Amino acid sequence: MGNRVTRWWKGRSTNEKLMYLLIGALVVGIATRWRFVFGEAAEAFRHIFGR
């Protein structure tokens, strides 16, 4: 699988790569922030349902 991804990545233009990296950075940033929020919520649910 990694080989196909590498070949696909090399076929992208620089602008496309930058766009994908920007989207990736946004996704990671949002995921990190929301994991904190959802972590709190999950903890609360665990206390409610985990008796």
PDB file of N, CA and C in Angstrom:
ATOM      1  N   MET A   1       0.825  -1.197   0.000  1.00  0.00           N
ATOM      2  CA  MET A   1       0.000   0.000   0.000  1.00  0.00           C
ATOM      3  C   MET A   1       0.866   1.256   0.000  1.00  0.00           C
ATOM      4  N   GLY A   2       1.931   1.249   0.789  1.00  0.00           N
ATOM      5  CA  GLY A   2       2.788   2.429   0.882  1.00  0.00           C
ATOM      6  C   GLY A   2       3.356   2.831  -0.466  1.00  0.00           C
ATOM      7  N   ASN A   3       3.634   1.810  -1.302  1.00  0.00           N
ATOM      8  CA  ASN A   3       4.193   2.081  -2.624  1.00  0.00           C
ATOM      9  C   ASN A   3       3.215   2.884  -3.474  1.00  0.00           C
ATOM     10  N   ARG A   4       1.938   2.503  -3.436  1.00  0.00           N
ATOM     11  CA  ARG A   4       0.920   3.193  -4.219  1.00  0.00           C
ATOM     12  C   ARG A   4       0.759   4.630  -3.728  1.00  0.00           C
ATOM     13  N   VAL A   5       0.773   4.802  -2.426  1.00  0.00           N
ATOM     14  CA  VAL A   5       0.650   6.150  -1.864  1.00  0.00           C
ATOM     15  C   VAL A   5       1.827   7.012  -2.293  1.00  0.00           C
ATOM     16  N   THR A   6       3.029   6.441  -2.243  1.00  0.00           N
ATOM     17  CA  THR A   6       4.227   7.192  -2.649  1.00  0.00           C
ATOM     18  C   THR A   6       4.129   7.602  -4.110  1.00  0.00           C
ATOM     19  N   ARG A   7       3.699   6.669  -4.963  1.00  0.00           N
ATOM     20  CA  ARG A   7       3.581   6.966  -6.389  1.00  0.00           C
ATOM     21  C   ARG A   7       2.540   8.062  -6.616  1.00  0.00           C
ATOM     22  N   TRP A   8       1.400   7.961  -5.898  1.00  0.00           N
ATOM     23  CA  TRP A   8       0.349   8.967  -6.010  1.00  0.00           C
ATOM     24  C   TRP A   8       0.874  10.326  -5.565  1.00  0.00           C
ATOM     25  N   TRP A   9       1.606  10.332  -4.414  1.00  0.00           N
ATOM     26  CA  TRP A   9       2.123  11.584  -3.855  1.00  0.00           C
ATOM     27  C   TRP A   9       3.094  12.252  -4.827  1.00  0.00           C
ATOM     28  N   LYS A  10       3.953  11.448  -5.459  1.00  0.00           N
ATOM     29  CA  LYS A  10       4.935  12.010  -6.396  1.00  0.00           C
ATOM     30  C   LYS A  10       4.248  12.585  -7.633  1.00  0.00           C
ATOM     31  N   GLY A  11       3.056  12.110  -7.946  1.00  0.00           N
ATOM     32  CA  GLY A  11       2.321  12.605  -9.106  1.00  0.00           C
ATOM     33  C   GLY A  11       1.625  13.935  -8.846  1.00  0.00           C
ATOM     34  N   ARG A  12       1.537  14.339  -7.579  1.00  0.00           N
ATOM     35  CA  ARG A  12       0.868  15.605  -7.258  1.00  0.00           C
ATOM     36  C   ARG A  12       1.793  16.771  -7.574  1.00  0.00           C
ATOM     37  N   SER A  13       1.194  17.924  -7.854  1.00  0.00           N
ATOM     38  CA  SER A  13       1.982  19.147  -8.025  1.00  0.00           C
ATOM     39  C   SER A  13       2.294  19.736  -6.657  1.00  0.00           C
ATOM     40  N   THR A  14       3.208  20.702  -6.633  1.00  0.00           N
ATOM     41  CA  THR A  14       3.595  21.324  -5.365  1.00  0.00           C
ATOM     42  C   THR A  14       2.402  21.986  -4.691  1.00  0.00           C
ATOM     43  N   ASN A  15       1.579  22.687  -5.487  1.00  0.00           N
ATOM     44  CA  ASN A  15       0.399  23.346  -4.916  1.00  0.00           C
ATOM     45  C   ASN A  15      -0.550  22.337  -4.298  1.00  0.00           C
ATOM     46  N   GLU A  16      -0.751  21.206  -4.977  1.00  0.00           N
ATOM     47  CA  GLU A  16      -1.623  20.162  -4.433  1.00  0.00           C
ATOM     48  C   GLU A  16      -1.060  19.630  -3.125  1.00  0.00           C
ATOM     49  N   LYS A  17       0.256  19.390  -3.088  1.00  0.00           N
ATOM     50  CA  LYS A  17       0.880  18.883  -1.864  1.00  0.00           C
ATOM     51  C   LYS A  17       0.683  19.863  -0.716  1.00  0.00           C
ATOM     52  N   LEU A  18       0.891  21.149  -0.991  1.00  0.00           N
ATOM     53  CA  LEU A  18       0.712  22.170   0.054  1.00  0.00           C
ATOM     54  C   LEU A  18      -0.719  22.170   0.551  1.00  0.00           C
ATOM     55  N   MET A  19      -1.679  22.044  -0.373  1.00  0.00           N
ATOM     56  CA  MET A  19      -3.085  22.033   0.008  1.00  0.00           C
ATOM     57  C   MET A  19      -3.381  20.841   0.915  1.00  0.00           C
ATOM     58  N   TYR A  20      -2.873  19.649   0.514  1.00  0.00           N
ATOM     59  CA  TYR A  20      -3.105  18.458   1.326  1.00  0.00           C
ATOM     60  C   TYR A  20      -2.455  18.587   2.702  1.00  0.00           C
ATOM     61  N   LEU A  21      -1.258  19.170   2.749  1.00  0.00           N
ATOM     62  CA  LEU A  21      -0.584  19.349   4.039  1.00  0.00           C
ATOM     63  C   LEU A  21      -1.360  20.306   4.926  1.00  0.00           C
ATOM     64  N   LEU A  22      -1.890  21.373   4.312  1.00  0.00           N
ATOM     65  CA  LEU A  22      -2.677  22.347   5.073  1.00  0.00           C
ATOM     66  C   LEU A  22      -3.925  21.688   5.647  1.00  0.00           C
ATOM     67  N   ILE A  23      -4.622  20.911   4.798  1.00  0.00           N
ATOM     68  CA  ILE A  23      -5.819  20.203   5.266  1.00  0.00           C
ATOM     69  C   ILE A  23      -5.442  19.231   6.382  1.00  0.00           C
ATOM     70  N   GLY A  24      -4.310  18.517   6.184  1.00  0.00           N
ATOM     71  CA  GLY A  24      -3.867  17.573   7.208  1.00  0.00           C
ATOM     72  C   GLY A  24      -3.586  18.261   8.529  1.00  0.00           C
ATOM     73  N   ALA A  25      -2.923  19.424   8.454  1.00  0.00           N
ATOM     74  CA  ALA A  25      -2.604  20.166   9.671  1.00  0.00           C
ATOM     75  C   ALA A  25      -3.884  20.630  10.362  1.00  0.00           C
ATOM     76  N   LEU A  26      -4.849  21.101   9.570  1.00  0.00           N
ATOM     77  CA  LEU A  26      -6.125  21.535  10.147  1.00  0.00           C
ATOM     78  C   LEU A  26      -6.839  20.375  10.828  1.00  0.00           C
ATOM     79  N   VAL A  27      -6.875  19.232  10.137  1.00  0.00           N
ATOM     80  CA  VAL A  27      -7.555  18.061  10.699  1.00  0.00           C
ATOM     81  C   VAL A  27      -6.902  17.646  12.010  1.00  0.00           C
ATOM     82  N   VAL A  28      -5.561  17.617  12.015  1.00  0.00           N
ATOM     83  CA  VAL A  28      -4.852  17.218  13.238  1.00  0.00           C
ATOM     84  C   VAL A  28      -5.117  18.216  14.360  1.00  0.00           C
ATOM     85  N   GLY A  29      -5.079  19.512  14.030  1.00  0.00           N
ATOM     86  CA  GLY A  29      -5.326  20.541  15.046  1.00  0.00           C
ATOM     87  C   GLY A  29      -6.729  20.439  15.627  1.00  0.00           C
ATOM     88  N   ILE A  30      -7.708  20.273  14.733  1.00  0.00           N
ATOM     89  CA  ILE A  30      -9.097  20.160  15.198  1.00  0.00           C
ATOM     90  C   ILE A  30      -9.273  18.881  16.005  1.00  0.00           C
ATOM     91  N   ALA A  31      -8.694  17.774  15.500  1.00  0.00           N
ATOM     92  CA  ALA A  31      -8.834  16.489  16.189  1.00  0.00           C
ATOM     93  C   ALA A  31      -8.233  16.566  17.586  1.00  0.00           C
ATOM     94  N   THR A  32      -7.071  17.232  17.709  1.00  0.00           N
ATOM     95  CA  THR A  32      -6.419  17.331  19.012  1.00  0.00           C
ATOM     96  C   THR A  32      -7.289  18.125  19.978  1.00  0.00           C
ATOM     97  N   ARG A  33      -7.812  19.253  19.485  1.00  0.00           N
ATOM     98  CA  ARG A  33      -8.651  20.090  20.349  1.00  0.00           C
ATOM     99  C   ARG A  33      -9.920  19.346  20.745  1.00  0.00           C
ATOM    100  N   TRP A  34     -10.552  18.671  19.769  1.00  0.00           N
ATOM    101  CA  TRP A  34     -11.811  17.995  20.057  1.00  0.00           C
ATOM    102  C   TRP A  34     -11.601  16.720  20.848  1.00  0.00           C
ATOM    103  N   ARG A  35     -10.432  16.084  20.708  1.00  0.00           N
ATOM    104  CA  ARG A  35     -10.187  14.889  21.516  1.00  0.00           C
ATOM    105  C   ARG A  35     -10.195  15.270  22.992  1.00  0.00           C
ATOM    106  N   PHE A  36      -9.680  16.469  23.306  1.00  0.00           N
ATOM    107  CA  PHE A  36      -9.700  16.948  24.679  1.00  0.00           C
ATOM    108  C   PHE A  36     -11.145  17.126  25.141  1.00  0.00           C
ATOM    109  N   VAL A  37     -11.962  17.789  24.297  1.00  0.00           N
ATOM    110  CA  VAL A  37     -13.374  18.029  24.648  1.00  0.00           C
ATOM    111  C   VAL A  37     -14.115  16.707  24.769  1.00  0.00           C
ATOM    112  N   PHE A  38     -13.952  15.831  23.738  1.00  0.00           N
ATOM    113  CA  PHE A  38     -14.662  14.550  23.758  1.00  0.00           C
ATOM    114  C   PHE A  38     -14.119  13.642  24.849  1.00  0.00           C
ATOM    115  N   GLY A  39     -12.851  13.805  25.196  1.00  0.00           N
ATOM    116  CA  GLY A  39     -12.284  13.016  26.282  1.00  0.00           C
ATOM    117  C   GLY A  39     -13.000  13.306  27.589  1.00  0.00           C
ATOM    118  N   GLU A  40     -13.269  14.603  27.824  1.00  0.00           N
ATOM    119  CA  GLU A  40     -14.029  14.984  29.018  1.00  0.00           C
ATOM    120  C   GLU A  40     -15.423  14.365  28.976  1.00  0.00           C
ATOM    121  N   ALA A  41     -16.092  14.487  27.813  1.00  0.00           N
ATOM    122  CA  ALA A  41     -17.451  13.959  27.666  1.00  0.00           C
ATOM    123  C   ALA A  41     -17.451  12.445  27.841  1.00  0.00           C
ATOM    124  N   ALA A  42     -16.470  11.768  27.227  1.00  0.00           N
ATOM    125  CA  ALA A  42     -16.396  10.314  27.326  1.00  0.00           C
ATOM    126  C   ALA A  42     -16.194   9.897  28.782  1.00  0.00           C
ATOM    127  N   GLU A  43     -15.386  10.659  29.495  1.00  0.00           N
ATOM    128  CA  GLU A  43     -15.146  10.366  30.906  1.00  0.00           C
ATOM    129  C   GLU A  43     -16.449  10.476  31.698  1.00  0.00           C
ATOM    130  N   ALA A  44     -17.218  11.514  31.415  1.00  0.00           N
ATOM    131  CA  ALA A  44     -18.500  11.694  32.086  1.00  0.00           C
ATOM    132  C   ALA A  44     -19.443  10.538  31.762  1.00  0.00           C
ATOM    133  N   PHE A  45     -19.518  10.146  30.472  1.00  0.00           N
ATOM    134  CA  PHE A  45     -20.379   9.025  30.086  1.00  0.00           C
ATOM    135  C   PHE A  45     -19.929   7.740  30.758  1.00  0.00           C
ATOM    136  N   ARG A  46     -18.625   7.562  30.878  1.00  0.00           N
ATOM    137  CA  ARG A  46     -18.101   6.354  31.503  1.00  0.00           C
ATOM    138  C   ARG A  46     -18.553   6.295  32.960  1.00  0.00           C
ATOM    139  N   HIS A  47     -18.556   7.458  33.609  1.00  0.00           N
ATOM    140  CA  HIS A  47     -18.993   7.478  35.010  1.00  0.00           C
ATOM    141  C   HIS A  47     -20.478   7.187  35.120  1.00  0.00           C
ATOM    142  N   ILE A  48     -21.259   7.690  34.137  1.00  0.00           N
ATOM    143  CA  ILE A  48     -22.720   7.474  34.177  1.00  0.00           C
ATOM    144  C   ILE A  48     -23.044   6.015  33.902  1.00  0.00           C
ATOM    145  N   PHE A  49     -22.449   5.453  32.825  1.00  0.00           N
ATOM    146  CA  PHE A  49     -22.825   4.115  32.386  1.00  0.00           C
ATOM    147  C   PHE A  49     -21.948   3.023  32.981  1.00  0.00           C
ATOM    148  N   GLY A  50     -20.817   3.387  33.557  1.00  0.00           N
ATOM    149  CA  GLY A  50     -19.861   2.362  33.977  1.00  0.00           C
ATOM    150  C   GLY A  50     -20.003   1.927  35.421  1.00  0.00           C
ATOM    151  N   ARG A  51     -21.210   1.997  35.967  1.00  0.00           N
ATOM    152  CA  ARG A  51     -21.395   1.604  37.371  1.00  0.00           C
ATOM    153  C   ARG A  51     -21.391   0.096  37.508  1.00  0.00           C
TER     154      ARG A  51
END
